PDB file of N, CA and C in Angstrom:
ATOM      1  N   MET A   1      -2.133  23.002   6.007  1.00  0.00           N
ATOM      2  CA  MET A   1      -0.887  23.294   5.302  1.00  0.00           C
ATOM      3  C   MET A   1      -1.183  23.304   3.803  1.00  0.00           C
ATOM      4  N   SER A   2      -0.807  24.363   3.128  1.00  0.00           N
ATOM      5  CA  SER A   2      -1.034  24.441   1.693  1.00  0.00           C
ATOM      6  C   SER A   2      -0.027  23.574   0.954  1.00  0.00           C
ATOM      7  N   LYS A   3      -0.362  23.276  -0.305  1.00  0.00           N
ATOM      8  CA  LYS A   3       0.544  22.451  -1.113  1.00  0.00           C
ATOM      9  C   LYS A   3       1.901  23.116  -1.256  1.00  0.00           C
ATOM     10  N   GLN A   4       1.906  24.438  -1.327  1.00  0.00           N
ATOM     11  CA  GLN A   4       3.155  25.158  -1.513  1.00  0.00           C
ATOM     12  C   GLN A   4       4.053  25.084  -0.286  1.00  0.00           C
ATOM     13  N   SER A   5       3.460  24.976   0.908  1.00  0.00           N
ATOM     14  CA  SER A   5       4.276  24.961   2.117  1.00  0.00           C
ATOM     15  C   SER A   5       4.593  23.550   2.593  1.00  0.00           C
ATOM     16  N   CYS A   6       4.196  22.538   1.839  1.00  0.00           N
ATOM     17  CA  CYS A   6       4.476  21.151   2.207  1.00  0.00           C
ATOM     18  C   CYS A   6       5.988  20.909   2.182  1.00  0.00           C
ATOM     19  N   LYS A   7       6.493  20.387   3.272  1.00  0.00           N
ATOM     20  CA  LYS A   7       7.923  20.074   3.350  1.00  0.00           C
ATOM     21  C   LYS A   7       8.161  18.756   2.629  1.00  0.00           C
ATOM     22  N   LYS A   8       8.852  18.814   1.497  1.00  0.00           N
ATOM     23  CA  LYS A   8       9.042  17.616   0.680  1.00  0.00           C
ATOM     24  C   LYS A   8       9.739  16.493   1.426  1.00  0.00           C
ATOM     25  N   ASP A   9      10.763  16.800   2.200  1.00  0.00           N
ATOM     26  CA  ASP A   9      11.477  15.747   2.921  1.00  0.00           C
ATOM     27  C   ASP A   9      10.536  14.990   3.852  1.00  0.00           C
ATOM     28  N   GLY A  10       9.701  15.728   4.561  1.00  0.00           N
ATOM     29  CA  GLY A  10       8.747  15.104   5.468  1.00  0.00           C
ATOM     30  C   GLY A  10       7.713  14.280   4.733  1.00  0.00           C
ATOM     31  N   ALA A  11       7.250  14.802   3.593  1.00  0.00           N
ATOM     32  CA  ALA A  11       6.259  14.083   2.790  1.00  0.00           C
ATOM     33  C   ALA A  11       6.864  12.809   2.204  1.00  0.00           C
ATOM     34  N   TYR A  12       8.100  12.887   1.736  1.00  0.00           N
ATOM     35  CA  TYR A  12       8.784  11.690   1.225  1.00  0.00           C
ATOM     36  C   TYR A  12       8.912  10.641   2.329  1.00  0.00           C
ATOM     37  N   LYS A  13       9.265  11.098   3.524  1.00  0.00           N
ATOM     38  CA  LYS A  13       9.431  10.182   4.645  1.00  0.00           C
ATOM     39  C   LYS A  13       8.121   9.458   4.949  1.00  0.00           C
ATOM     40  N   ILE A  14       7.023  10.189   4.986  1.00  0.00           N
ATOM     41  CA  ILE A  14       5.709   9.580   5.238  1.00  0.00           C
ATOM     42  C   ILE A  14       5.370   8.588   4.129  1.00  0.00           C
ATOM     43  N   PHE A  15       5.569   8.995   2.884  1.00  0.00           N
ATOM     44  CA  PHE A  15       5.225   8.150   1.743  1.00  0.00           C
ATOM     45  C   PHE A  15       6.029   6.849   1.749  1.00  0.00           C
ATOM     46  N   PHE A  16       7.357   6.986   1.799  1.00  0.00           N
ATOM     47  CA  PHE A  16       8.197   5.795   1.690  1.00  0.00           C
ATOM     48  C   PHE A  16       8.157   4.929   2.953  1.00  0.00           C
ATOM     49  N   SER A  17       7.968   5.525   4.117  1.00  0.00           N
ATOM     50  CA  SER A  17       7.849   4.700   5.323  1.00  0.00           C
ATOM     51  C   SER A  17       6.540   3.920   5.307  1.00  0.00           C
ATOM     52  N   SER A  18       5.526   4.464   4.657  1.00  0.00           N
ATOM     53  CA  SER A  18       4.268   3.726   4.520  1.00  0.00           C
ATOM     54  C   SER A  18       4.463   2.489   3.657  1.00  0.00           C
ATOM     55  N   LEU A  19       5.236   2.618   2.610  1.00  0.00           N
ATOM     56  CA  LEU A  19       5.504   1.478   1.725  1.00  0.00           C
ATOM     57  C   LEU A  19       6.577   0.545   2.280  1.00  0.00           C
ATOM     58  N   ALA A  20       7.463   1.069   3.118  1.00  0.00           N
ATOM     59  CA  ALA A  20       8.560   0.254   3.640  1.00  0.00           C
ATOM     60  C   ALA A  20       8.098  -0.718   4.729  1.00  0.00           C
ATOM     61  N   ASN A  21       6.969  -0.451   5.330  1.00  0.00           N
ATOM     62  CA  ASN A  21       6.441  -1.343   6.355  1.00  0.00           C
ATOM     63  C   ASN A  21       5.952  -2.625   5.684  1.00  0.00           C
ATOM     64  N   GLU A  22       6.498  -3.762   6.077  1.00  0.00           N
ATOM     65  CA  GLU A  22       6.172  -5.036   5.419  1.00  0.00           C
ATOM     66  C   GLU A  22       4.681  -5.372   5.487  1.00  0.00           C
ATOM     67  N   ASN A  23       4.057  -5.076   6.619  1.00  0.00           N
ATOM     68  CA  ASN A  23       2.634  -5.379   6.755  1.00  0.00           C
ATOM     69  C   ASN A  23       1.789  -4.538   5.809  1.00  0.00           C
ATOM     70  N   ARG A  24       2.080  -3.238   5.743  1.00  0.00           N
ATOM     71  CA  ARG A  24       1.322  -2.366   4.849  1.00  0.00           C
ATOM     72  C   ARG A  24       1.576  -2.740   3.386  1.00  0.00           C
ATOM     73  N   LEU A  25       2.807  -3.094   3.069  1.00  0.00           N
ATOM     74  CA  LEU A  25       3.131  -3.499   1.703  1.00  0.00           C
ATOM     75  C   LEU A  25       2.363  -4.764   1.321  1.00  0.00           C
ATOM     76  N   LYS A  26       2.269  -5.702   2.241  1.00  0.00           N
ATOM     77  CA  LYS A  26       1.517  -6.928   1.973  1.00  0.00           C
ATOM     78  C   LYS A  26       0.031  -6.620   1.785  1.00  0.00           C
ATOM     79  N   ILE A  27      -0.494  -5.688   2.565  1.00  0.00           N
ATOM     80  CA  ILE A  27      -1.900  -5.283   2.422  1.00  0.00           C
ATOM     81  C   ILE A  27      -2.113  -4.628   1.064  1.00  0.00           C
ATOM     82  N   ILE A  28      -1.233  -3.724   0.668  1.00  0.00           N
ATOM     83  CA  ILE A  28      -1.359  -3.059  -0.635  1.00  0.00           C
ATOM     84  C   ILE A  28      -1.286  -4.084  -1.762  1.00  0.00           C
ATOM     85  N   ASN A  29      -0.352  -5.006  -1.683  1.00  0.00           N
ATOM     86  CA  ASN A  29      -0.229  -6.018  -2.733  1.00  0.00           C
ATOM     87  C   ASN A  29      -1.458  -6.913  -2.790  1.00  0.00           C
ATOM     88  N   THR A  30      -2.078  -7.162  -1.651  1.00  0.00           N
ATOM     89  CA  THR A  30      -3.330  -7.922  -1.622  1.00  0.00           C
ATOM     90  C   THR A  30      -4.432  -7.155  -2.345  1.00  0.00           C
ATOM     91  N   LEU A  31      -4.482  -5.848  -2.127  1.00  0.00           N
ATOM     92  CA  LEU A  31      -5.521  -5.023  -2.751  1.00  0.00           C
ATOM     93  C   LEU A  31      -5.284  -4.793  -4.242  1.00  0.00           C
ATOM     94  N   ARG A  32      -4.087  -5.063  -4.718  1.00  0.00           N
ATOM     95  CA  ARG A  32      -3.820  -4.931  -6.155  1.00  0.00           C
ATOM     96  C   ARG A  32      -4.680  -5.897  -6.954  1.00  0.00           C
ATOM     97  N   HIS A  33      -5.140  -6.959  -6.311  1.00  0.00           N
ATOM     98  CA  HIS A  33      -5.933  -7.986  -6.992  1.00  0.00           C
ATOM     99  C   HIS A  33      -7.432  -7.755  -6.866  1.00  0.00           C
ATOM    100  N   GLY A  34      -7.826  -6.622  -6.308  1.00  0.00           N
ATOM    101  CA  GLY A  34      -9.245  -6.288  -6.220  1.00  0.00           C
ATOM    102  C   GLY A  34      -9.636  -5.776  -4.852  1.00  0.00           C
ATOM    103  N   ASN A  35     -10.827  -5.207  -4.778  1.00  0.00           N
ATOM    104  CA  ASN A  35     -11.355  -4.651  -3.536  1.00  0.00           C
ATOM    105  C   ASN A  35     -11.583  -5.762  -2.524  1.00  0.00           C
ATOM    106  N   LYS A  36     -11.292  -5.440  -1.251  1.00  0.00           N
ATOM    107  CA  LYS A  36     -11.462  -6.435  -0.193  1.00  0.00           C
ATOM    108  C   LYS A  36     -11.917  -5.754   1.089  1.00  0.00           C
ATOM    109  N   SER A  37     -12.684  -6.497   1.887  1.00  0.00           N
ATOM    110  CA  SER A  37     -13.053  -6.038   3.221  1.00  0.00           C
ATOM    111  C   SER A  37     -11.906  -6.348   4.169  1.00  0.00           C
ATOM    112  N   VAL A  38     -11.975  -5.819   5.369  1.00  0.00           N
ATOM    113  CA  VAL A  38     -10.937  -6.087   6.366  1.00  0.00           C
ATOM    114  C   VAL A  38     -10.829  -7.586   6.626  1.00  0.00           C
ATOM    115  N   SER A  39     -11.975  -8.250   6.765  1.00  0.00           N
ATOM    116  CA  SER A  39     -11.922  -9.692   7.045  1.00  0.00           C
ATOM    117  C   SER A  39     -11.314 -10.464   5.878  1.00  0.00           C
ATOM    118  N   GLU A  40     -11.554 -10.038   4.641  1.00  0.00           N
ATOM    119  CA  GLU A  40     -10.944 -10.699   3.479  1.00  0.00           C
ATOM    120  C   GLU A  40      -9.434 -10.453   3.450  1.00  0.00           C
ATOM    121  N   ILE A  41      -9.025  -9.246   3.829  1.00  0.00           N
ATOM    122  CA  ILE A  41      -7.591  -8.939   3.894  1.00  0.00           C
ATOM    123  C   ILE A  41      -6.940  -9.807   4.974  1.00  0.00           C
ATOM    124  N   CYS A  42      -7.614  -9.946   6.111  1.00  0.00           N
ATOM    125  CA  CYS A  42      -7.101 -10.793   7.200  1.00  0.00           C
ATOM    126  C   CYS A  42      -6.943 -12.232   6.727  1.00  0.00           C
ATOM    127  N   GLN A  43      -7.927 -12.711   6.008  1.00  0.00           N
ATOM    128  CA  GLN A  43      -7.885 -14.088   5.508  1.00  0.00           C
ATOM    129  C   GLN A  43      -6.708 -14.287   4.554  1.00  0.00           C
ATOM    130  N   THR A  44      -6.512 -13.330   3.660  1.00  0.00           N
ATOM    131  CA  THR A  44      -5.452 -13.431   2.655  1.00  0.00           C
ATOM    132  C   THR A  44      -4.063 -13.312   3.275  1.00  0.00           C
ATOM    133  N   THR A  45      -3.917 -12.385   4.208  1.00  0.00           N
ATOM    134  CA  THR A  45      -2.595 -12.087   4.767  1.00  0.00           C
ATOM    135  C   THR A  45      -2.255 -12.897   6.018  1.00  0.00           C
ATOM    136  N   GLY A  46      -3.278 -13.359   6.731  1.00  0.00           N
ATOM    137  CA  GLY A  46      -3.051 -14.031   8.005  1.00  0.00           C
ATOM    138  C   GLY A  46      -2.863 -13.057   9.155  1.00  0.00           C
ATOM    139  N   PHE A  47      -3.076 -11.762   8.908  1.00  0.00           N
ATOM    140  CA  PHE A  47      -2.931 -10.739   9.928  1.00  0.00           C
ATOM    141  C   PHE A  47      -4.190 -10.654  10.785  1.00  0.00           C
ATOM    142  N   GLU A  48      -4.032 -10.147  12.013  1.00  0.00           N
ATOM    143  CA  GLU A  48      -5.161  -9.921  12.902  1.00  0.00           C
ATOM    144  C   GLU A  48      -5.926  -8.673  12.469  1.00  0.00           C
ATOM    145  N   GLN A  49      -7.208  -8.653  12.776  1.00  0.00           N
ATOM    146  CA  GLN A  49      -8.105  -7.579  12.347  1.00  0.00           C
ATOM    147  C   GLN A  49      -7.647  -6.205  12.841  1.00  0.00           C
ATOM    148  N   THR A  50      -7.231  -6.104  14.096  1.00  0.00           N
ATOM    149  CA  THR A  50      -6.841  -4.793  14.623  1.00  0.00           C
ATOM    150  C   THR A  50      -5.603  -4.255  13.910  1.00  0.00           C
ATOM    151  N   MET A  51      -4.671  -5.136  13.591  1.00  0.00           N
ATOM    152  CA  MET A  51      -3.458  -4.707  12.890  1.00  0.00           C
ATOM    153  C   MET A  51      -3.778  -4.264  11.474  1.00  0.00           C
ATOM    154  N   VAL A  52      -4.665  -5.008  10.796  1.00  0.00           N
ATOM    155  CA  VAL A  52      -5.061  -4.634   9.442  1.00  0.00           C
ATOM    156  C   VAL A  52      -5.761  -3.279   9.461  1.00  0.00           C
ATOM    157  N   SER A  53      -6.704  -3.101  10.357  1.00  0.00           N
ATOM    158  CA  SER A  53      -7.441  -1.832  10.455  1.00  0.00           C
ATOM    159  C   SER A  53      -6.507  -0.666  10.736  1.00  0.00           C
ATOM    160  N   HIS A  54      -5.566  -0.857  11.644  1.00  0.00           N
ATOM    161  CA  HIS A  54      -4.596   0.192  11.981  1.00  0.00           C
ATOM    162  C   HIS A  54      -3.772   0.581  10.754  1.00  0.00           C
ATOM    163  N   ASN A  55      -3.276  -0.395  10.023  1.00  0.00           N
ATOM    164  CA  ASN A  55      -2.452  -0.110   8.841  1.00  0.00           C
ATOM    165  C   ASN A  55      -3.269   0.465   7.701  1.00  0.00           C
ATOM    166  N   LEU A  56      -4.509   0.022   7.544  1.00  0.00           N
ATOM    167  CA  LEU A  56      -5.371   0.591   6.508  1.00  0.00           C
ATOM    168  C   LEU A  56      -5.639   2.071   6.770  1.00  0.00           C
ATOM    169  N   LYS A  57      -5.766   2.423   8.033  1.00  0.00           N
ATOM    170  CA  LYS A  57      -5.991   3.829   8.389  1.00  0.00           C
ATOM    171  C   LYS A  57      -4.822   4.681   7.919  1.00  0.00           C
ATOM    172  N   ARG A  58      -3.604   4.198   8.126  1.00  0.00           N
ATOM    173  CA  ARG A  58      -2.406   4.934   7.685  1.00  0.00           C
ATOM    174  C   ARG A  58      -2.372   5.028   6.160  1.00  0.00           C
ATOM    175  N   LEU A  59      -2.643   3.906   5.483  1.00  0.00           N
ATOM    176  CA  LEU A  59      -2.619   3.903   4.021  1.00  0.00           C
ATOM    177  C   LEU A  59      -3.701   4.806   3.446  1.00  0.00           C
ATOM    178  N   GLU A  60      -4.839   4.837   4.098  1.00  0.00           N
ATOM    179  CA  GLU A  60      -5.937   5.687   3.623  1.00  0.00           C
ATOM    180  C   GLU A  60      -5.600   7.170   3.834  1.00  0.00           C
ATOM    181  N   ARG A  61      -5.007   7.499   4.971  1.00  0.00           N
ATOM    182  CA  ARG A  61      -4.611   8.890   5.228  1.00  0.00           C
ATOM    183  C   ARG A  61      -3.606   9.382   4.200  1.00  0.00           C
ATOM    184  N   CYS A  62      -2.739   8.475   3.722  1.00  0.00           N
ATOM    185  CA  CYS A  62      -1.725   8.829   2.722  1.00  0.00           C
ATOM    186  C   CYS A  62      -2.272   8.776   1.299  1.00  0.00           C
ATOM    187  N   GLY A  63      -3.526   8.380   1.120  1.00  0.00           N
ATOM    188  CA  GLY A  63      -4.121   8.312  -0.208  1.00  0.00           C
ATOM    189  C   GLY A  63      -3.687   7.104  -1.015  1.00  0.00           C
ATOM    190  N   MET A  64      -3.102   6.124  -0.353  1.00  0.00           N
ATOM    191  CA  MET A  64      -2.650   4.924  -1.059  1.00  0.00           C
ATOM    192  C   MET A  64      -3.780   3.936  -1.271  1.00  0.00           C
ATOM    193  N   VAL A  65      -4.753   3.944  -0.382  1.00  0.00           N
ATOM    194  CA  VAL A  65      -5.945   3.117  -0.532  1.00  0.00           C
ATOM    195  C   VAL A  65      -7.168   3.982  -0.264  1.00  0.00           C
ATOM    196  N   PHE A  66      -8.283   3.545  -0.796  1.00  0.00           N
ATOM    197  CA  PHE A  66      -9.565   4.205  -0.572  1.00  0.00           C
ATOM    198  C   PHE A  66     -10.539   3.192  -0.011  1.00  0.00           C
ATOM    199  N   SER A  67     -11.529   3.682   0.716  1.00  0.00           N
ATOM    200  CA  SER A  67     -12.544   2.779   1.248  1.00  0.00           C
ATOM    201  C   SER A  67     -13.918   3.214   0.770  1.00  0.00           C
ATOM    202  N   GLU A  68     -14.795   2.231   0.704  1.00  0.00           N
ATOM    203  CA  GLU A  68     -16.170   2.485   0.280  1.00  0.00           C
ATOM    204  C   GLU A  68     -17.089   1.595   1.109  1.00  0.00           C
ATOM    205  N   GLN A  69     -18.104   2.225   1.682  1.00  0.00           N
ATOM    206  CA  GLN A  69     -19.073   1.486   2.489  1.00  0.00           C
ATOM    207  C   GLN A  69     -20.062   0.791   1.556  1.00  0.00           C
ATOM    208  N   ASN A  70     -20.293  -0.515   1.797  1.00  0.00           N
ATOM    209  CA  ASN A  70     -21.261  -1.274   1.018  1.00  0.00           C
ATOM    210  C   ASN A  70     -22.048  -2.127   2.011  1.00  0.00           C
ATOM    211  N   GLY A  71     -23.242  -1.661   2.359  1.00  0.00           N
ATOM    212  CA  GLY A  71     -24.010  -2.341   3.393  1.00  0.00           C
ATOM    213  C   GLY A  71     -23.315  -2.169   4.725  1.00  0.00           C
ATOM    214  N   LYS A  72     -23.123  -3.252   5.445  1.00  0.00           N
ATOM    215  CA  LYS A  72     -22.442  -3.148   6.739  1.00  0.00           C
ATOM    216  C   LYS A  72     -20.939  -3.354   6.634  1.00  0.00           C
ATOM    217  N   PHE A  73     -20.438  -3.532   5.428  1.00  0.00           N
ATOM    218  CA  PHE A  73     -19.004  -3.744   5.234  1.00  0.00           C
ATOM    219  C   PHE A  73     -18.359  -2.551   4.543  1.00  0.00           C
ATOM    220  N   ARG A  74     -17.094  -2.350   4.859  1.00  0.00           N
ATOM    221  CA  ARG A  74     -16.276  -1.327   4.210  1.00  0.00           C
ATOM    222  C   ARG A  74     -15.263  -2.072   3.348  1.00  0.00           C
ATOM    223  N   TYR A  75     -15.205  -1.711   2.079  1.00  0.00           N
ATOM    224  CA  TYR A  75     -14.285  -2.353   1.150  1.00  0.00           C
ATOM    225  C   TYR A  75     -13.161  -1.388   0.795  1.00  0.00           C
ATOM    226  N   TYR A  76     -11.969  -1.921   0.721  1.00  0.00           N
ATOM    227  CA  TYR A  76     -10.775  -1.122   0.437  1.00  0.00           C
ATOM    228  C   TYR A  76     -10.237  -1.463  -0.943  1.00  0.00           C
ATOM    229  N   SER A  77      -9.682  -0.443  -1.590  1.00  0.00           N
ATOM    230  CA  SER A  77      -9.064  -0.632  -2.907  1.00  0.00           C
ATOM    231  C   SER A  77      -7.798   0.211  -2.972  1.00  0.00           C
ATOM    232  N   VAL A  78      -6.859  -0.248  -3.767  1.00  0.00           N
ATOM    233  CA  VAL A  78      -5.619   0.501  -3.961  1.00  0.00           C
ATOM    234  C   VAL A  78      -5.934   1.697  -4.861  1.00  0.00           C
ATOM    235  N   ASN A  79      -5.245   2.800  -4.655  1.00  0.00           N
ATOM    236  CA  ASN A  79      -5.424   3.992  -5.472  1.00  0.00           C
ATOM    237  C   ASN A  79      -4.982   3.656  -6.897  1.00  0.00           C
ATOM    238  N   ARG A  80      -5.953   3.522  -7.788  1.00  0.00           N
ATOM    239  CA  ARG A  80      -5.670   3.091  -9.166  1.00  0.00           C
ATOM    240  C   ARG A  80      -5.026   4.184 -10.014  1.00  0.00           C
ATOM    241  N   GLN A  81      -5.196   5.424  -9.598  1.00  0.00           N
ATOM    242  CA  GLN A  81      -4.662   6.533 -10.379  1.00  0.00           C
ATOM    243  C   GLN A  81      -3.157   6.732 -10.148  1.00  0.00           C
ATOM    244  N   THR A  82      -2.707   6.549  -8.913  1.00  0.00           N
ATOM    245  CA  THR A  82      -1.294   6.832  -8.624  1.00  0.00           C
ATOM    246  C   THR A  82      -0.522   5.620  -8.110  1.00  0.00           C
ATOM    247  N   ILE A  83      -1.060   4.912  -7.141  1.00  0.00           N
ATOM    248  CA  ILE A  83      -0.295   3.849  -6.479  1.00  0.00           C
ATOM    249  C   ILE A  83      -0.176   2.603  -7.355  1.00  0.00           C
ATOM    250  N   LYS A  84      -1.247   2.204  -7.999  1.00  0.00           N
ATOM    251  CA  LYS A  84      -1.176   0.996  -8.839  1.00  0.00           C
ATOM    252  C   LYS A  84      -0.150   1.159  -9.970  1.00  0.00           C
ATOM    253  N   PRO A  85      -0.175   2.278 -10.726  1.00  0.00           N
ATOM    254  CA  PRO A  85       0.870   2.447 -11.756  1.00  0.00           C
ATOM    255  C   PRO A  85       2.278   2.526 -11.164  1.00  0.00           C
ATOM    256  N   LEU A  86       2.400   3.148 -10.003  1.00  0.00           N
ATOM    257  CA  LEU A  86       3.697   3.227  -9.349  1.00  0.00           C
ATOM    258  C   LEU A  86       4.206   1.830  -8.997  1.00  0.00           C
ATOM    259  N   LEU A  87       3.347   0.992  -8.449  1.00  0.00           N
ATOM    260  CA  LEU A  87       3.745  -0.370  -8.099  1.00  0.00           C
ATOM    261  C   LEU A  87       4.116  -1.183  -9.336  1.00  0.00           C
ATOM    262  N   GLU A  88       3.422  -0.949 -10.441  1.00  0.00           N
ATOM    263  CA  GLU A  88       3.767  -1.642 -11.685  1.00  0.00           C
ATOM    264  C   GLU A  88       5.144  -1.216 -12.175  1.00  0.00           C
ATOM    265  N   MET A  89       5.460   0.079 -12.029  1.00  0.00           N
ATOM    266  CA  MET A  89       6.777   0.573 -12.414  1.00  0.00           C
ATOM    267  C   MET A  89       7.851  -0.017 -11.492  1.00  0.00           C
ATOM    268  N   ILE A  90       7.555  -0.090 -10.207  1.00  0.00           N
ATOM    269  CA  ILE A  90       8.488  -0.683  -9.245  1.00  0.00           C
ATOM    270  C   ILE A  90       8.710  -2.155  -9.585  1.00  0.00           C
ATOM    271  N   ASP A  91       7.637  -2.875  -9.956  1.00  0.00           N
ATOM    272  CA  ASP A  91       7.769  -4.282 -10.351  1.00  0.00           C
ATOM    273  C   ASP A  91       8.767  -4.436 -11.495  1.00  0.00           C
ATOM    274  N   LYS A  92       8.668  -3.570 -12.504  1.00  0.00           N
ATOM    275  CA  LYS A  92       9.582  -3.632 -13.647  1.00  0.00           C
ATOM    276  C   LYS A  92      11.017  -3.364 -13.204  1.00  0.00           C
ATOM    277  N   HIS A  93      11.182  -2.371 -12.353  1.00  0.00           N
ATOM    278  CA  HIS A  93      12.515  -2.030 -11.863  1.00  0.00           C
ATOM    279  C   HIS A  93      13.104  -3.193 -11.061  1.00  0.00           C
ATOM    280  N   MET A  94      12.303  -3.764 -10.171  1.00  0.00           N
ATOM    281  CA  MET A  94      12.785  -4.879  -9.342  1.00  0.00           C
ATOM    282  C   MET A  94      13.189  -6.065 -10.206  1.00  0.00           C
ATOM    283  N   LYS A  95      12.389  -6.358 -11.209  1.00  0.00           N
ATOM    284  CA  LYS A  95      12.683  -7.494 -12.081  1.00  0.00           C
ATOM    285  C   LYS A  95      14.019  -7.292 -12.795  1.00  0.00           C
ATOM    286  N   LYS A  96      14.259  -6.046 -13.218  1.00  0.00           N
ATOM    287  CA  LYS A  96      15.477  -5.761 -13.968  1.00  0.00           C
ATOM    288  C   LYS A  96      16.713  -5.646 -13.070  1.00  0.00           C
ATOM    289  N   TYR A  97      16.559  -5.087 -11.874  1.00  0.00           N
ATOM    290  CA  TYR A  97      17.732  -4.796 -11.051  1.00  0.00           C
ATOM    291  C   TYR A  97      17.777  -5.565  -9.728  1.00  0.00           C
ATOM    292  N   CYS A  98      16.734  -5.484  -8.942  1.00  0.00           N
ATOM    293  CA  CYS A  98      16.771  -6.026  -7.576  1.00  0.00           C
ATOM    294  C   CYS A  98      16.767  -7.545  -7.528  1.00  0.00           C
ATOM    295  N   CYS A  99      16.071  -8.175  -8.432  1.00  0.00           N
ATOM    296  CA  CYS A  99      16.038  -9.648  -8.432  1.00  0.00           C
ATOM    297  C   CYS A  99      17.420 -10.222  -8.698  1.00  0.00           C
ATOM    298  N   LYS A 100      18.243  -9.518  -9.471  1.00  0.00           N
ATOM    299  CA  LYS A 100      19.609  -9.950  -9.723  1.00  0.00           C
ATOM    300  C   LYS A 100      20.422  -9.954  -8.443  1.00  0.00           C
ATOM    301  N   ILE A 101      20.202  -8.967  -7.599  1.00  0.00           N
ATOM    302  CA  ILE A 101      20.913  -8.882  -6.322  1.00  0.00           C
ATOM    303  C   ILE A 101      20.540 -10.061  -5.453  1.00  0.00           C
ATOM    304  N   LEU A 102      19.242 -10.395  -5.423  1.00  0.00           N
ATOM    305  CA  LEU A 102      18.787 -11.524  -4.614  1.00  0.00           C
ATOM    306  C   LEU A 102      19.387 -12.840  -5.107  1.00  0.00           C
ATOM    307  N   LYS A 103      19.674 -12.912  -6.400  1.00  0.00           N
ATOM    308  CA  LYS A 103      20.269 -14.119  -6.968  1.00  0.00           C
ATOM    309  C   LYS A 103      21.788 -14.107  -6.859  1.00  0.00           C
ATOM    310  N   GLY A 104      22.353 -13.049  -6.274  1.00  0.00           N
ATOM    311  CA  GLY A 104      23.795 -12.968  -6.091  1.00  0.00           C
ATOM    312  C   GLY A 104      24.530 -12.429  -7.304  1.00  0.00           C
ATOM    313  N   LYS A 105      23.811 -11.809  -8.229  1.00  0.00           N
ATOM    314  CA  LYS A 105      24.445 -11.227  -9.409  1.00  0.00           C
ATOM    315  C   LYS A 105      24.550  -9.726  -9.221  1.00  0.00           C
ATOM    316  N   ARG A 106      25.324  -9.095 -10.082  1.00  0.00           N
ATOM    317  CA  ARG A 106      25.482  -7.641 -10.027  1.00  0.00           C
ATOM    318  C   ARG A 106      24.503  -6.985 -10.887  1.00  0.00           C
TER     319      ARG A 106
END
């Protein structure tokens, strides 16, 4: 499918559903602090290896994370060009608006 024929609604759905999944979001937030192997992600998150691998595959297909082979281990990192700045912008927005909702304010 060419970029011109990409259905935006479908692409938005894939993008936001990838971030809306709590497990994938926790994995991405873990990777914001540096590159990690699957076992390191499991240790940090408490998730099982198969679940982490499954979710990393989805995040990698969407370009949200990248992997790099180093010896017998594969290390994952968050996409520093697009996803990391986006998450920083979301952090600012949440601090200004969403945290107030959680505190019961308008």
